[in-house]
Structures are given as C-alpha cells and as structure tokens.
Amino acid sequence: MSRPTVTIIGADGAASQNTHPLPNVFKAPIRSDIVQAVHTGMAKNKRQPYAVSEKAGHQTSAESWGTGRAVARIPRVSGGGTHRAGQAAFGNQCRSGRMFAPTKVWRKWHQKINLGQKRFATVSAIAASSSAALLLARGHRVGAIPEVPLVVSSAAFADGALKKTSQAINLLNAVGAAAEVEKVKDSRKLRAGKGKLRNRRNVQRRGPLVVYDPTKDGKELVKAFRNIPGVETCDVYALNLLQLAPGGHLGRFVIWSSNAFAALDSVYGSTTEPSELKRDFLLPQNSVAQPDLNKLINSSEVQSVLRPVRGGAITKRSVVQKKNPLRNKQVMLRLNPYAAAYAKQGLGHQKADEKALTKDKTFEATLHEN
C-alpha cells in the first residue's frame, strides 16, 4: 500500500524534485490525555529539591510559663527589657515561629513513568506535528510554509554549511518561518510573580523545533540555532516529549532535516514491523478506524445484515428487526407455521365467539340466581 509523500524543501526555500514517503509514525493515534499525563510526570523529574532551613523559627531560647499566669501555655521568649521578651515562639501560629510541617529535601520529587506510555505519548506528539490545524490552534504562524510536516534538505546542514546564526536565520526566512520567529521575539515579557527574583525573570513563547540526525547532519547546526529566540534543536534518536508538546499541548511546529525524517521509520517502526532501536516496540493503532458513527451505521455493510437474508429465512449471522407477530403476518408465520391454516379455518374467531358466549351465559345465570 502506497503512502503519501512529502516534498523536500531546498535551502533556498524552493521545492526540490526529491520526495519521501510519510513515515508510519505520523499515522499514530493522537491522544492528548496520554500526552498530558506523561508530560506532567516528566516535568516533575526536572525539579530541584527545596526546603526551608531546619533552624527557622527555633533560633531563640523560649520556654512555656505553664499555667496560672492567665496566658496560653505556648513557649515564650525569655529575658526582659525588649518587646520580644514574653512573646510566643516556636509555634506555627506565632510571629517569627516555624511553619507548619516544614518542607524537607527528602520529599518524593521524582515520578516513575510507564515506558509504553512514554513512547505512546512521544509518537502521538510527532503525529500531531503533522496537523496544520493543531499547529494553528497552538498559536504557531505557519501560514507561509509550504506544507506540514516541513522537511528541509540535509544539504543545507551538511559539511558545515550552517555554522553562523545569520545563516540559520536566512534558512528560516527561506522556508517561510520568518513570521514565527518574529512572533517569538515580540512575545518576550516580564514574568508576573516571585519568579522575577529567582533567575527566571522573563517569559516568551516557543518557536520551531529543528530535528536533525547527528550521525549524518553533524552537530554544528546546534550552535547556529541556539541564539535565535524560541528556536530549539533536538536529536532524532532522542526526541523529548517536553520539546514536542511544551506544556502538555500538542501541535509543536517541527522542522525536519531530510536525514532525520528518513530515520523515523527505523526509530519507531510500524504497526506490524517492530522498531530497530526500541526493543519490542510496535506503533499503536487506532481503536476505531472510522470515527464517523453515522456513516458507519448507514453503510451498506452494516445495513445489509440488519434484515433477513436468503429469501426471508433467518440465519445465524443476520439480526432481525423486532416486529410484533400479532400485527405482522410474516413474523407470526416464522414463529408458528400453522398460523396460516389456523386463520384460514377461522379457529381463532370461533374460539373467541365461544368464549364470549360462555361469558354471557355465566352472567345471565348469576342474575337469575340473585
């Protein structure tokens, strides 16, 4: 079965004659629920432990005054001659006291993630990167690019052709990503909150993700792209969900080198052929191939087995619509083949007349007795 092909864009932005079939990973089901769950766990694994000082709130000599002095039994600062003397200490309800349940650095910071779910989330994020609707919904400016997924010829990266930031910017402008880079540059704003004091003063949007093959494209392009705001680079053999779906939201704008794009089939395999690099991994399949239920129900394949087949005879594989045999003669004949003769002789009417006559005689006899 032939697969759709993707045009490879040259370094000048023009479409070349070379094409590549769409890797199977782009057919994977897009599951935002799995992506969000895995992203939450992976983001937790990047946290740095923090805690308040073990001495905070206890760096004073304080002792309870006990009962009998018309004050609470909370420990109080000793001494005299200052406002601090006699003040309550240590408790979490006290001024200058410790916090309730002080945070500790041995908290459980990391979270184990099922390997199958992590791989499912990664292939789902890769598949979502080929949907222009999801890219636009995420806010990427992709109106000027030729197509998604966007594949750039590896000749633009090979032999150190991309070493300077100016060269990288020229390449992005040539393939139609200039509006995306400008959007990221203009989005840089001051962070709201205490993060301004904690070495994360500014916030900005995410731009395109450049995926390359380090074995063929080299690593020089990393230095060329790293100083462009919002632009990130990633090794095709180590694709990261935190980069493919920032914030747990699908639809990252990805620029593939042609070598990295060709390597996807060997990295992720297909639904029938396992991956060459990931042990025992097959691509997940959609549970429902046709999500349009109305089209499915009204299809000739389904409708043909909803009624009797083979001249009206009931078969094991056919499902008969439920009909009332007292009103439908054909259904009555299937249930009772003698019903035709029974009706022809008028036996049913005769019994009904006899029953009504018996009832009338019984009623008359009752009246005479009374």
Protein backbone atom coordinates (compact mmCIF):
# COMPACT_ATOMS: atom_id res chain seq x y z
CA MET A 1 0.00 0.00 0.00
CA SER A 2 1.48 3.35 -1.06
CA ARG A 3 1.96 6.08 1.49
CA PRO A 4 1.56 9.85 0.99
CA THR A 5 4.79 11.58 0.05
CA VAL A 6 6.32 14.74 1.47
CA THR A 7 8.23 17.22 -0.65
CA ILE A 8 11.76 18.05 0.49
CA ILE A 9 12.41 21.80 0.56
CA GLY A 10 15.79 23.14 -0.53
CA ALA A 11 17.96 25.64 1.35
CA ASP A 12 16.61 28.44 -0.86
CA GLY A 13 13.00 27.59 0.09
CA ALA A 14 12.13 26.12 -3.32
CA ALA A 15 10.56 22.67 -3.59
CA SER A 16 13.02 20.14 -4.98
CA GLN A 17 12.28 17.10 -7.11
CA ASN A 18 13.08 14.80 -4.20
CA THR A 19 10.23 13.39 -2.13
CA HIS A 20 10.00 10.98 0.76
CA PRO A 21 7.10 8.73 1.82
CA LEU A 22 5.42 9.78 5.04
CA PRO A 23 6.85 7.69 7.94
CA ASN A 24 4.41 5.39 9.70
CA VAL A 25 4.82 7.26 12.98
CA PHE A 26 2.66 10.09 11.59
CA LYS A 27 -0.29 7.67 11.42
CA ALA A 28 -0.19 7.04 15.19
CA PRO A 29 -3.34 7.95 17.17
CA ILE A 30 -3.29 11.43 18.68
CA ARG A 31 -4.12 11.02 22.38
CA SER A 32 -3.98 14.32 24.26
CA ASP A 33 -4.92 12.62 27.55
CA ILE A 34 -1.86 10.35 27.47
CA VAL A 35 0.38 13.22 26.39
CA GLN A 36 -0.76 15.42 29.28
CA ALA A 37 -0.36 12.65 31.87
CA VAL A 38 3.15 11.71 30.70
CA HIS A 39 4.19 15.36 30.35
CA THR A 40 3.17 16.03 33.95
CA GLY A 41 5.34 13.16 35.19
CA MET A 42 8.33 14.12 33.05
CA ALA A 43 8.15 17.74 34.14
CA LYS A 44 8.26 16.62 37.79
CA ASN A 45 11.52 14.80 37.12
CA LYS A 46 13.27 18.08 36.32
CA ARG A 47 12.54 19.74 39.66
CA GLN A 48 15.28 20.76 42.07
CA PRO A 49 14.70 19.92 45.78
CA TYR A 50 13.94 22.85 48.06
CA ALA A 51 13.18 23.25 51.75
CA VAL A 52 13.16 25.87 54.47
CA SER A 53 16.01 25.99 56.95
CA GLU A 54 15.87 23.38 59.68
CA LYS A 55 16.65 26.13 62.23
CA ALA A 56 13.98 28.59 61.02
CA GLY A 57 11.65 29.60 63.87
CA HIS A 58 13.73 27.82 66.53
CA GLN A 59 16.71 30.16 66.80
CA THR A 60 15.62 31.56 70.15
CA SER A 61 15.50 30.39 73.74
CA ALA A 62 11.89 30.00 74.76
CA GLU A 63 10.10 28.08 77.47
CA SER A 64 6.47 27.78 78.45
CA TRP A 65 5.38 29.75 81.55
CA GLY A 66 2.99 26.96 82.44
CA THR A 67 -0.44 27.55 83.95
CA GLY A 68 -1.58 30.10 86.48
CA ARG A 69 -0.49 33.30 84.73
CA ALA A 70 -3.58 33.86 82.57
CA VAL A 71 -1.70 33.34 79.31
CA ALA A 72 -1.51 30.48 76.84
CA ARG A 73 0.95 27.68 77.51
CA ILE A 74 2.88 28.24 74.25
CA PRO A 75 6.66 28.66 74.79
CA ARG A 76 7.65 32.30 75.35
CA VAL A 77 10.90 34.17 74.75
CA SER A 78 12.89 34.64 77.92
CA GLY A 79 14.53 37.83 79.10
CA GLY A 80 13.19 41.33 79.59
CA GLY A 81 13.60 44.91 78.56
CA THR A 82 12.54 44.39 74.90
CA HIS A 83 9.29 43.88 73.08
CA ARG A 84 10.42 40.40 72.11
CA ALA A 85 10.62 39.20 75.72
CA GLY A 86 7.49 37.30 76.66
CA GLN A 87 6.30 36.86 73.05
CA ALA A 88 5.12 33.41 71.97
CA ALA A 89 7.63 31.41 69.94
CA PHE A 90 8.16 28.18 68.01
CA GLY A 91 4.50 27.52 67.06
CA ASN A 92 3.25 27.89 63.51
CA GLN A 93 0.59 30.34 64.75
CA CYS A 94 3.24 32.61 66.31
CA ARG A 95 5.02 35.62 64.87
CA SER A 96 8.59 34.60 63.97
CA GLY A 97 7.67 30.96 64.60
CA ARG A 98 8.32 27.98 62.32
CA MET A 99 5.95 27.00 59.55
CA PHE A 100 3.59 24.05 59.94
CA ALA A 101 5.18 20.82 58.62
CA PRO A 102 8.42 22.43 57.37
CA THR A 103 9.35 21.29 53.85
CA LYS A 104 12.16 18.72 53.62
CA VAL A 105 14.58 17.99 50.80
CA TRP A 106 13.81 14.26 51.02
CA ARG A 107 10.32 14.73 49.65
CA LYS A 108 9.44 12.34 46.79
CA TRP A 109 10.30 14.59 43.87
CA HIS A 110 10.53 12.11 41.00
CA GLN A 111 7.80 10.06 39.41
CA LYS A 112 8.12 6.75 37.60
CA ILE A 113 6.54 6.70 34.14
CA ASN A 114 5.49 3.59 32.25
CA LEU A 115 7.83 3.14 29.29
CA GLY A 116 5.00 2.12 26.96
CA GLN A 117 3.01 5.22 27.87
CA LYS A 118 6.06 7.43 27.38
CA ARG A 119 6.62 6.01 23.89
CA PHE A 120 2.89 6.32 23.09
CA ALA A 121 2.94 9.98 24.12
CA THR A 122 6.04 10.68 22.02
CA VAL A 123 4.65 9.15 18.82
CA SER A 124 1.33 10.88 19.44
CA ALA A 125 3.09 14.26 19.70
CA ILE A 126 5.04 13.53 16.49
CA ALA A 127 1.79 12.65 14.67
CA ALA A 128 0.16 15.86 15.95
CA SER A 129 3.04 17.92 14.49
CA SER A 130 1.78 16.99 11.00
CA SER A 131 -1.66 18.56 11.56
CA ALA A 132 -1.81 22.18 10.42
CA ALA A 133 -5.00 22.72 12.43
CA LEU A 134 -3.27 21.73 15.68
CA LEU A 135 -0.27 23.92 14.86
CA LEU A 136 -2.50 26.93 14.27
CA ALA A 137 -4.53 26.17 17.40
CA ARG A 138 -1.33 26.20 19.42
CA GLY A 139 -0.50 29.67 18.06
CA HIS A 140 2.24 28.92 15.54
CA ARG A 141 2.46 31.19 12.48
CA VAL A 142 2.67 28.57 9.74
CA GLY A 143 0.65 30.26 7.03
CA ALA A 144 3.68 30.88 4.81
CA ILE A 145 5.32 27.44 4.97
CA PRO A 146 4.75 25.07 2.00
CA GLU A 147 3.40 22.08 3.95
CA VAL A 148 3.48 20.21 7.23
CA PRO A 149 5.46 18.25 8.15
CA LEU A 150 8.16 20.61 6.87
CA VAL A 151 11.23 18.71 5.62
CA VAL A 152 14.36 20.63 4.66
CA SER A 153 17.11 19.08 2.56
CA SER A 154 20.06 17.91 4.65
CA ALA A 155 22.33 19.56 2.11
CA ALA A 156 21.53 22.81 3.92
CA PHE A 157 23.16 21.37 7.07
CA ALA A 158 25.89 19.15 5.63
CA ASP A 159 29.61 19.92 5.50
CA GLY A 160 29.32 22.73 8.00
CA ALA A 161 27.05 24.76 5.70
CA LEU A 162 25.23 26.07 8.76
CA LYS A 163 27.59 27.47 11.37
CA LYS A 164 26.54 31.07 11.95
CA THR A 165 23.33 32.42 13.42
CA SER A 166 22.85 34.68 10.39
CA GLN A 167 22.87 31.61 8.13
CA ALA A 168 20.27 29.90 10.33
CA ILE A 169 18.03 32.98 10.20
CA ASN A 170 18.32 33.09 6.41
CA LEU A 171 17.27 29.43 6.24
CA LEU A 172 14.23 30.03 8.48
CA ASN A 173 13.22 33.02 6.35
CA ALA A 174 13.61 30.98 3.15
CA VAL A 175 11.30 28.16 4.32
CA GLY A 176 8.58 30.60 5.49
CA ALA A 177 9.20 30.58 9.24
CA ALA A 178 10.06 34.30 9.49
CA ALA A 179 6.65 35.20 10.96
CA GLU A 180 7.07 32.51 13.63
CA VAL A 181 10.50 33.83 14.67
CA GLU A 182 9.20 37.41 14.85
CA LYS A 183 6.21 36.31 16.95
CA VAL A 184 8.52 34.68 19.48
CA LYS A 185 10.81 37.69 19.56
CA ASP A 186 7.90 40.07 20.25
CA SER A 187 6.39 37.80 22.91
CA ARG A 188 9.20 38.29 25.45
CA LYS A 189 7.65 39.80 28.58
CA LEU A 190 8.37 40.27 32.26
CA ARG A 191 7.21 37.37 34.40
CA ALA A 192 4.42 38.02 36.90
CA GLY A 193 5.28 36.88 40.41
CA LYS A 194 8.28 35.96 42.53
CA GLY A 195 9.96 34.17 39.63
CA LYS A 196 11.46 37.56 38.75
CA LEU A 197 13.69 37.15 41.81
CA ARG A 198 14.60 33.52 41.06
CA ASN A 199 16.61 33.72 37.86
CA ARG A 200 13.59 33.35 35.54
CA ARG A 201 12.73 36.98 35.01
CA ASN A 202 11.27 36.80 31.51
CA VAL A 203 8.81 34.57 29.66
CA GLN A 204 8.41 34.01 25.93
CA ARG A 205 6.63 31.69 23.51
CA ARG A 206 8.12 28.59 21.90
CA GLY A 207 9.22 28.72 18.28
CA PRO A 208 10.10 25.96 15.81
CA LEU A 209 11.89 22.77 16.85
CA VAL A 210 14.68 21.74 14.47
CA VAL A 211 15.19 17.95 14.41
CA TYR A 212 18.44 16.65 12.90
CA ASP A 213 20.37 13.40 12.52
CA PRO A 214 23.72 13.81 14.35
CA THR A 215 25.31 10.89 12.50
CA LYS A 216 24.76 12.47 9.05
CA ASP A 217 23.93 16.15 9.56
CA GLY A 218 26.57 16.79 12.21
CA LYS A 219 26.13 18.93 15.33
CA GLU A 220 27.39 22.28 14.04
CA LEU A 221 23.85 23.46 13.39
CA VAL A 222 23.14 23.47 17.14
CA LYS A 223 25.44 26.48 17.58
CA ALA A 224 23.80 28.22 14.63
CA PHE A 225 20.25 27.91 16.01
CA ARG A 226 20.81 28.21 19.76
CA ASN A 227 20.95 32.02 19.85
CA ILE A 228 17.64 32.53 18.00
CA PRO A 229 14.81 33.24 20.49
CA GLY A 230 12.39 30.33 20.85
CA VAL A 231 14.18 28.02 18.40
CA GLU A 232 15.28 24.66 19.82
CA THR A 233 17.19 21.72 18.36
CA CYS A 234 16.79 18.02 19.07
CA ASP A 235 18.44 14.75 18.06
CA VAL A 236 16.04 12.49 16.12
CA TYR A 237 17.24 9.50 18.18
CA ALA A 238 16.41 11.27 21.45
CA LEU A 239 13.13 13.09 20.79
CA ASN A 240 11.77 14.54 24.02
CA LEU A 241 8.10 14.99 24.84
CA LEU A 242 8.89 18.16 26.79
CA GLN A 243 10.03 19.69 23.50
CA LEU A 244 7.47 18.04 21.21
CA ALA A 245 4.49 19.10 23.37
CA PRO A 246 5.50 22.03 25.62
CA GLY A 247 3.06 22.45 28.49
CA GLY A 248 1.41 19.15 27.51
CA HIS A 249 -0.19 20.83 24.47
CA LEU A 250 0.01 19.07 21.10
CA GLY A 251 0.97 20.73 17.83
CA ARG A 252 4.62 21.90 18.02
CA PHE A 253 5.99 23.37 14.79
CA VAL A 254 8.80 20.96 13.81
CA ILE A 255 11.36 21.44 11.02
CA TRP A 256 12.87 18.10 9.99
CA SER A 257 16.13 17.56 8.17
CA SER A 258 15.66 15.04 5.36
CA ASN A 259 18.08 12.59 7.04
CA ALA A 260 16.20 12.80 10.35
CA PHE A 261 12.88 12.38 8.53
CA ALA A 262 14.16 9.25 6.78
CA ALA A 263 15.38 7.80 10.10
CA LEU A 264 11.90 7.88 11.71
CA ASP A 265 10.86 4.51 10.27
CA SER A 266 13.90 2.79 11.77
CA VAL A 267 13.44 4.57 15.12
CA TYR A 268 9.72 3.85 15.57
CA GLY A 269 8.93 1.06 13.08
CA SER A 270 5.31 0.45 12.11
CA THR A 271 2.21 -1.31 13.41
CA THR A 272 3.47 -4.65 12.05
CA GLU A 273 7.27 -4.29 11.99
CA PRO A 274 8.98 -3.61 15.33
CA SER A 275 11.39 -0.73 15.80
CA GLU A 276 15.06 -1.37 15.11
CA LEU A 277 16.17 0.74 18.07
CA LYS A 278 13.38 0.30 20.64
CA ARG A 279 13.05 -3.24 21.87
CA ASP A 280 9.67 -4.94 21.23
CA PHE A 281 8.03 -1.65 20.26
CA LEU A 282 5.21 -1.54 17.71
CA LEU A 283 3.37 1.63 16.82
CA PRO A 284 -0.05 1.89 18.50
CA GLN A 285 -3.18 1.63 16.37
CA ASN A 286 -6.49 3.45 16.48
CA SER A 287 -9.23 1.57 18.31
CA VAL A 288 -11.79 2.86 15.80
CA ALA A 289 -10.63 3.25 12.21
CA GLN A 290 -13.81 5.12 11.17
CA PRO A 291 -14.85 7.65 13.83
CA ASP A 292 -17.93 8.82 11.86
CA LEU A 293 -20.56 6.62 13.54
CA ASN A 294 -23.44 7.83 11.35
CA LYS A 295 -21.51 6.85 8.24
CA LEU A 296 -20.65 3.53 9.86
CA ILE A 297 -24.25 2.70 10.83
CA ASN A 298 -25.67 3.72 7.46
CA SER A 299 -23.04 1.85 5.47
CA SER A 300 -24.19 -0.91 3.14
CA GLU A 301 -22.08 -3.46 5.05
CA VAL A 302 -23.94 -2.85 8.30
CA GLN A 303 -27.39 -2.30 6.82
CA SER A 304 -27.20 -5.50 4.78
CA VAL A 305 -27.14 -7.66 7.92
CA LEU A 306 -29.83 -5.80 9.84
CA ARG A 307 -32.61 -7.57 7.87
CA PRO A 308 -33.30 -11.21 6.97
CA VAL A 309 -31.29 -12.60 4.08
CA ARG A 310 -31.65 -15.60 1.72
CA GLY A 311 -35.27 -15.07 0.79
CA GLY A 312 -36.51 -14.18 4.23
CA ALA A 313 -35.05 -17.18 6.09
CA ILE A 314 -33.39 -16.41 9.41
CA THR A 315 -29.69 -17.18 9.54
CA LYS A 316 -27.27 -17.16 12.46
CA ARG A 317 -25.41 -14.11 11.17
CA SER A 318 -28.44 -11.94 10.44
CA VAL A 319 -30.06 -9.69 13.00
CA VAL A 320 -33.84 -9.31 12.54
CA GLN A 321 -35.55 -6.08 13.43
CA LYS A 322 -38.04 -6.66 16.22
CA LYS A 323 -41.65 -6.68 14.99
CA ASN A 324 -44.95 -7.55 16.62
CA PRO A 325 -46.08 -11.02 15.40
CA LEU A 326 -49.71 -10.21 16.29
CA ARG A 327 -49.67 -7.47 13.67
CA ASN A 328 -47.07 -8.75 11.20
CA LYS A 329 -48.17 -11.97 9.48
CA GLN A 330 -44.69 -12.83 8.16
CA VAL A 331 -43.18 -12.74 11.64
CA MET A 332 -46.11 -14.78 13.01
CA LEU A 333 -45.57 -17.43 10.31
CA ARG A 334 -41.89 -17.74 11.30
CA LEU A 335 -42.86 -18.26 14.92
CA ASN A 336 -45.88 -20.52 14.18
CA PRO A 337 -46.01 -22.13 10.69
CA TYR A 338 -49.56 -23.43 11.46
CA ALA A 339 -50.84 -19.87 11.91
CA ALA A 340 -51.93 -19.66 8.21
CA ALA A 341 -54.11 -22.77 8.42
CA TYR A 342 -55.32 -21.69 11.82
CA ALA A 343 -56.53 -18.36 10.43
CA LYS A 344 -57.92 -19.91 7.24
CA GLN A 345 -60.23 -22.22 9.19
CA GLY A 346 -61.31 -19.37 11.42
CA LEU A 347 -60.44 -21.32 14.52
CA GLY A 348 -59.29 -18.26 16.34
CA HIS A 349 -62.59 -16.42 15.69
CA GLN A 350 -64.65 -19.47 16.60
CA LYS A 351 -62.90 -19.87 19.95
CA ALA A 352 -63.25 -16.16 20.64
CA ASP A 353 -67.05 -16.36 19.90
CA GLU A 354 -67.45 -19.42 22.11
CA LYS A 355 -65.60 -17.70 24.94
CA ALA A 356 -67.78 -14.57 24.66
CA LEU A 357 -70.98 -16.72 24.58
CA THR A 358 -69.89 -18.65 27.67
CA LYS A 359 -69.21 -15.40 29.47
CA ASP A 360 -72.68 -14.06 28.61
CA LYS A 361 -74.37 -17.29 29.80
CA THR A 362 -72.45 -17.13 33.07
CA PHE A 363 -73.57 -13.52 33.60
CA GLU A 364 -77.25 -14.39 32.92
CA ALA A 365 -77.13 -17.34 35.30
CA THR A 366 -75.77 -15.07 38.00
CA LEU A 367 -78.65 -12.61 37.51
CA HIS A 368 -81.30 -15.36 37.76
CA GLU A 369 -79.84 -16.66 40.96
CA ASN A 370 -79.91 -13.20 42.53
